[in-house]
Amino acid sequence: MVCDLVHQLLFLDERIRNNDREIRETFRTDERAETIESLPGMGPILGAEFVAIVGA
C-alpha cells in the first residue's frame, strides 16, 4: 500500500512539473510577459494567473 502511494505521489509530482512547464511556456508567448515578469515577485506562474484574472 505504501509503495502504491509513493508511486501515485511521484506521478502527481511529475504532472505538476509538466503543468508548470506548460504554463511558463504559454505565458512567455504573451507580449506582456516580459513586462509582467519585470515586476517584483512576479514569475511566470503568478504572471499567468494575473493575466487570467485581469484578462486581455
PDB file of N, CA and C in Angstrom:
ATOM      1  N   MET A   1       0.832  -1.191   0.000  1.00  0.00           N
ATOM      2  CA  MET A   1       0.000   0.000   0.000  1.00  0.00           C
ATOM      3  C   MET A   1       0.875   1.253   0.000  1.00  0.00           C
ATOM      4  N   VAL A   2       1.898   1.280   0.838  1.00  0.00           N
ATOM      5  CA  VAL A   2       2.784   2.439   0.903  1.00  0.00           C
ATOM      6  C   VAL A   2       3.492   2.633  -0.438  1.00  0.00           C
ATOM      7  N   CYS A   3       3.895   1.554  -1.035  1.00  0.00           N
ATOM      8  CA  CYS A   3       4.567   1.611  -2.335  1.00  0.00           C
ATOM      9  C   CYS A   3       3.640   2.230  -3.390  1.00  0.00           C
ATOM     10  N   ASP A   4       2.381   1.847  -3.385  1.00  0.00           N
ATOM     11  CA  ASP A   4       1.412   2.422  -4.328  1.00  0.00           C
ATOM     12  C   ASP A   4       1.242   3.917  -4.091  1.00  0.00           C
ATOM     13  N   LEU A   5       1.175   4.321  -2.843  1.00  0.00           N
ATOM     14  CA  LEU A   5       1.042   5.747  -2.525  1.00  0.00           C
ATOM     15  C   LEU A   5       2.255   6.537  -2.993  1.00  0.00           C
ATOM     16  N   VAL A   6       3.421   5.968  -2.825  1.00  0.00           N
ATOM     17  CA  VAL A   6       4.646   6.635  -3.278  1.00  0.00           C
ATOM     18  C   VAL A   6       4.616   6.804  -4.795  1.00  0.00           C
ATOM     19  N   HIS A   7       4.211   5.779  -5.510  1.00  0.00           N
ATOM     20  CA  HIS A   7       4.124   5.869  -6.971  1.00  0.00           C
ATOM     21  C   HIS A   7       3.098   6.917  -7.398  1.00  0.00           C
ATOM     22  N   GLN A   8       1.983   6.986  -6.700  1.00  0.00           N
ATOM     23  CA  GLN A   8       0.971   7.991  -7.011  1.00  0.00           C
ATOM     24  C   GLN A   8       1.512   9.396  -6.760  1.00  0.00           C
ATOM     25  N   LEU A   9       2.236   9.579  -5.673  1.00  0.00           N
ATOM     26  CA  LEU A   9       2.821  10.888  -5.368  1.00  0.00           C
ATOM     27  C   LEU A   9       3.859  11.286  -6.412  1.00  0.00           C
ATOM     28  N   LEU A  10       4.678  10.347  -6.814  1.00  0.00           N
ATOM     29  CA  LEU A  10       5.677  10.633  -7.845  1.00  0.00           C
ATOM     30  C   LEU A  10       5.006  10.989  -9.172  1.00  0.00           C
ATOM     31  N   PHE A  11       3.932  10.290  -9.505  1.00  0.00           N
ATOM     32  CA  PHE A  11       3.188  10.589 -10.722  1.00  0.00           C
ATOM     33  C   PHE A  11       2.583  11.987 -10.660  1.00  0.00           C
ATOM     34  N   LEU A  12       1.978  12.323  -9.528  1.00  0.00           N
ATOM     35  CA  LEU A  12       1.390  13.653  -9.363  1.00  0.00           C
ATOM     36  C   LEU A  12       2.452  14.740  -9.415  1.00  0.00           C
ATOM     37  N   ASP A  13       3.600  14.484  -8.819  1.00  0.00           N
ATOM     38  CA  ASP A  13       4.706  15.444  -8.851  1.00  0.00           C
ATOM     39  C   ASP A  13       5.143  15.707 -10.289  1.00  0.00           C
ATOM     40  N   GLU A  14       5.215  14.665 -11.082  1.00  0.00           N
ATOM     41  CA  GLU A  14       5.585  14.812 -12.489  1.00  0.00           C
ATOM     42  C   GLU A  14       4.529  15.601 -13.256  1.00  0.00           C
ATOM     43  N   ARG A  15       3.263  15.334 -12.990  1.00  0.00           N
ATOM     44  CA  ARG A  15       2.178  16.080 -13.649  1.00  0.00           C
ATOM     45  C   ARG A  15       2.244  17.554 -13.302  1.00  0.00           C
ATOM     46  N   ILE A  16       2.518  17.870 -12.030  1.00  0.00           N
ATOM     47  CA  ILE A  16       2.627  19.265 -11.603  1.00  0.00           C
ATOM     48  C   ILE A  16       3.780  19.950 -12.323  1.00  0.00           C
ATOM     49  N   ARG A  17       4.931  19.271 -12.400  1.00  0.00           N
ATOM     50  CA  ARG A  17       6.080  19.839 -13.121  1.00  0.00           C
ATOM     51  C   ARG A  17       5.740  20.100 -14.582  1.00  0.00           C
ATOM     52  N   ASN A  18       5.057  19.154 -15.214  1.00  0.00           N
ATOM     53  CA  ASN A  18       4.666  19.327 -16.616  1.00  0.00           C
ATOM     54  C   ASN A  18       3.678  20.480 -16.789  1.00  0.00           C
ATOM     55  N   ASN A  19       2.711  20.586 -15.884  1.00  0.00           N
ATOM     56  CA  ASN A  19       1.751  21.688 -15.950  1.00  0.00           C
ATOM     57  C   ASN A  19       2.448  23.031 -15.770  1.00  0.00           C
ATOM     58  N   ASP A  20       3.357  23.117 -14.799  1.00  0.00           N
ATOM     59  CA  ASP A  20       4.098  24.355 -14.582  1.00  0.00           C
ATOM     60  C   ASP A  20       4.916  24.730 -15.819  1.00  0.00           C
ATOM     61  N   ARG A  21       5.540  23.739 -16.452  1.00  0.00           N
ATOM     62  CA  ARG A  21       6.323  23.993 -17.658  1.00  0.00           C
ATOM     63  C   ARG A  21       5.426  24.520 -18.775  1.00  0.00           C
ATOM     64  N   GLU A  22       4.267  23.908 -18.953  1.00  0.00           N
ATOM     65  CA  GLU A  22       3.337  24.369 -19.989  1.00  0.00           C
ATOM     66  C   GLU A  22       2.849  25.785 -19.712  1.00  0.00           C
ATOM     67  N   ILE A  23       2.550  26.076 -18.455  1.00  0.00           N
ATOM     68  CA  ILE A  23       2.098  27.419 -18.084  1.00  0.00           C
ATOM     69  C   ILE A  23       3.190  28.434 -18.399  1.00  0.00           C
ATOM     70  N   ARG A  24       4.446  28.132 -17.997  1.00  0.00           N
ATOM     71  CA  ARG A  24       5.565  29.045 -18.270  1.00  0.00           C
ATOM     72  C   ARG A  24       5.733  29.283 -19.765  1.00  0.00           C
ATOM     73  N   GLU A  25       5.738  28.201 -20.533  1.00  0.00           N
ATOM     74  CA  GLU A  25       5.936  28.317 -21.975  1.00  0.00           C
ATOM     75  C   GLU A  25       4.821  29.112 -22.633  1.00  0.00           C
ATOM     76  N   THR A  26       3.592  28.845 -22.245  1.00  0.00           N
ATOM     77  CA  THR A  26       2.445  29.546 -22.830  1.00  0.00           C
ATOM     78  C   THR A  26       2.449  31.015 -22.421  1.00  0.00           C
ATOM     79  N   PHE A  27       2.705  31.284 -21.145  1.00  0.00           N
ATOM     80  CA  PHE A  27       2.725  32.660 -20.662  1.00  0.00           C
ATOM     81  C   PHE A  27       3.781  33.481 -21.385  1.00  0.00           C
ATOM     82  N   ARG A  28       4.935  32.897 -21.618  1.00  0.00           N
ATOM     83  CA  ARG A  28       6.035  33.646 -22.237  1.00  0.00           C
ATOM     84  C   ARG A  28       5.804  33.934 -23.712  1.00  0.00           C
ATOM     85  N   THR A  29       4.754  33.369 -24.304  1.00  0.00           N
ATOM     86  CA  THR A  29       4.402  33.736 -25.675  1.00  0.00           C
ATOM     87  C   THR A  29       3.569  35.018 -25.701  1.00  0.00           C
ATOM     88  N   ASP A  30       3.052  35.421 -24.549  1.00  0.00           N
ATOM     89  CA  ASP A  30       2.253  36.646 -24.460  1.00  0.00           C
ATOM     90  C   ASP A  30       3.170  37.857 -24.550  1.00  0.00           C
ATOM     91  N   GLU A  31       2.757  38.840 -25.306  1.00  0.00           N
ATOM     92  CA  GLU A  31       3.583  40.037 -25.496  1.00  0.00           C
ATOM     93  C   GLU A  31       3.788  40.834 -24.202  1.00  0.00           C
ATOM     94  N   ARG A  32       2.939  40.629 -23.222  1.00  0.00           N
ATOM     95  CA  ARG A  32       3.057  41.353 -21.941  1.00  0.00           C
ATOM     96  C   ARG A  32       3.917  40.624 -20.925  1.00  0.00           C
ATOM     97  N   ALA A  33       4.341  39.417 -21.240  1.00  0.00           N
ATOM     98  CA  ALA A  33       5.037  38.567 -20.268  1.00  0.00           C
ATOM     99  C   ALA A  33       6.303  39.224 -19.721  1.00  0.00           C
ATOM    100  N   GLU A  34       7.123  39.785 -20.579  1.00  0.00           N
ATOM    101  CA  GLU A  34       8.383  40.371 -20.124  1.00  0.00           C
ATOM    102  C   GLU A  34       8.126  41.521 -19.151  1.00  0.00           C
ATOM    103  N   THR A  35       7.151  42.353 -19.454  1.00  0.00           N
ATOM    104  CA  THR A  35       6.819  43.477 -18.572  1.00  0.00           C
ATOM    105  C   THR A  35       6.277  42.981 -17.240  1.00  0.00           C
ATOM    106  N   ILE A  36       5.382  42.018 -17.298  1.00  0.00           N
ATOM    107  CA  ILE A  36       4.787  41.490 -16.065  1.00  0.00           C
ATOM    108  C   ILE A  36       5.854  40.828 -15.200  1.00  0.00           C
ATOM    109  N   GLU A  37       6.749  40.040 -15.820  1.00  0.00           N
ATOM    110  CA  GLU A  37       7.798  39.366 -15.055  1.00  0.00           C
ATOM    111  C   GLU A  37       8.832  40.341 -14.493  1.00  0.00           C
ATOM    112  N   SER A  38       8.895  41.552 -15.024  1.00  0.00           N
ATOM    113  CA  SER A  38       9.851  42.531 -14.500  1.00  0.00           C
ATOM    114  C   SER A  38       9.378  43.127 -13.174  1.00  0.00           C
ATOM    115  N   LEU A  39       8.108  42.924 -12.832  1.00  0.00           N
ATOM    116  CA  LEU A  39       7.581  43.420 -11.562  1.00  0.00           C
ATOM    117  C   LEU A  39       8.121  42.553 -10.418  1.00  0.00           C
ATOM    118  N   PRO A  40       8.460  43.173  -9.298  1.00  0.00           N
ATOM    119  CA  PRO A  40       8.990  42.397  -8.170  1.00  0.00           C
ATOM    120  C   PRO A  40       8.025  41.289  -7.729  1.00  0.00           C
ATOM    121  N   GLY A  41       8.549  40.100  -7.604  1.00  0.00           N
ATOM    122  CA  GLY A  41       7.768  38.966  -7.113  1.00  0.00           C
ATOM    123  C   GLY A  41       6.918  38.269  -8.163  1.00  0.00           C
ATOM    124  N   MET A  42       6.931  38.776  -9.391  1.00  0.00           N
ATOM    125  CA  MET A  42       6.099  38.186 -10.443  1.00  0.00           C
ATOM    126  C   MET A  42       6.934  37.250 -11.308  1.00  0.00           C
ATOM    127  N   GLY A  43       6.647  35.980 -11.207  1.00  0.00           N
ATOM    128  CA  GLY A  43       7.271  34.989 -12.069  1.00  0.00           C
ATOM    129  C   GLY A  43       6.270  34.566 -13.125  1.00  0.00           C
ATOM    130  N   PRO A  44       6.619  33.580 -13.897  1.00  0.00           N
ATOM    131  CA  PRO A  44       5.711  33.168 -14.975  1.00  0.00           C
ATOM    132  C   PRO A  44       4.409  32.540 -14.488  1.00  0.00           C
ATOM    133  N   ILE A  45       4.453  31.835 -13.390  1.00  0.00           N
ATOM    134  CA  ILE A  45       3.221  31.202 -12.884  1.00  0.00           C
ATOM    135  C   ILE A  45       2.269  32.272 -12.344  1.00  0.00           C
ATOM    136  N   LEU A  46       2.771  33.138 -11.486  1.00  0.00           N
ATOM    137  CA  LEU A  46       1.944  34.214 -10.941  1.00  0.00           C
ATOM    138  C   LEU A  46       1.529  35.177 -12.045  1.00  0.00           C
ATOM    139  N   GLY A  47       2.438  35.419 -12.996  1.00  0.00           N
ATOM    140  CA  GLY A  47       2.106  36.283 -14.124  1.00  0.00           C
ATOM    141  C   GLY A  47       0.971  35.720 -14.951  1.00  0.00           C
ATOM    142  N   ALA A  48       0.994  34.420 -15.189  1.00  0.00           N
ATOM    143  CA  ALA A  48      -0.083  33.772 -15.938  1.00  0.00           C
ATOM    144  C   ALA A  48      -1.403  33.871 -15.185  1.00  0.00           C
ATOM    145  N   GLU A  49      -1.323  33.705 -13.877  1.00  0.00           N
ATOM    146  CA  GLU A  49      -2.536  33.833 -13.054  1.00  0.00           C
ATOM    147  C   GLU A  49      -3.067  35.257 -13.128  1.00  0.00           C
ATOM    148  N   PHE A  50      -2.181  36.220 -13.070  1.00  0.00           N
ATOM    149  CA  PHE A  50      -2.557  37.639 -13.163  1.00  0.00           C
ATOM    150  C   PHE A  50      -3.274  37.912 -14.486  1.00  0.00           C
ATOM    151  N   VAL A  51      -2.693  37.444 -15.587  1.00  0.00           N
ATOM    152  CA  VAL A  51      -3.304  37.647 -16.905  1.00  0.00           C
ATOM    153  C   VAL A  51      -4.671  36.963 -16.971  1.00  0.00           C
ATOM    154  N   ALA A  52      -4.769  35.777 -16.402  1.00  0.00           N
ATOM    155  CA  ALA A  52      -6.042  35.046 -16.421  1.00  0.00           C
ATOM    156  C   ALA A  52      -7.124  35.789 -15.658  1.00  0.00           C
ATOM    157  N   ILE A  53      -6.753  36.421 -14.555  1.00  0.00           N
ATOM    158  CA  ILE A  53      -7.746  37.129 -13.739  1.00  0.00           C
ATOM    159  C   ILE A  53      -8.102  38.486 -14.338  1.00  0.00           C
ATOM    160  N   VAL A  54      -7.071  39.224 -14.754  1.00  0.00           N
ATOM    161  CA  VAL A  54      -7.288  40.573 -15.292  1.00  0.00           C
ATOM    162  C   VAL A  54      -7.876  40.502 -16.693  1.00  0.00           C
ATOM    163  N   GLY A  55      -7.436  39.536 -17.462  1.00  0.00           N
ATOM    164  CA  GLY A  55      -7.927  39.375 -18.824  1.00  0.00           C
ATOM    165  C   GLY A  55      -7.116  40.174 -19.818  1.00  0.00           C
ATOM    166  N   ALA A  56      -7.655  40.283 -20.996  1.00  0.00           N
ATOM    167  CA  ALA A  56      -6.945  40.966 -22.089  1.00  0.00           C
ATOM    168  C   ALA A  56      -7.045  42.426 -21.874  1.00  0.00           C
TER     169      ALA A  56
END
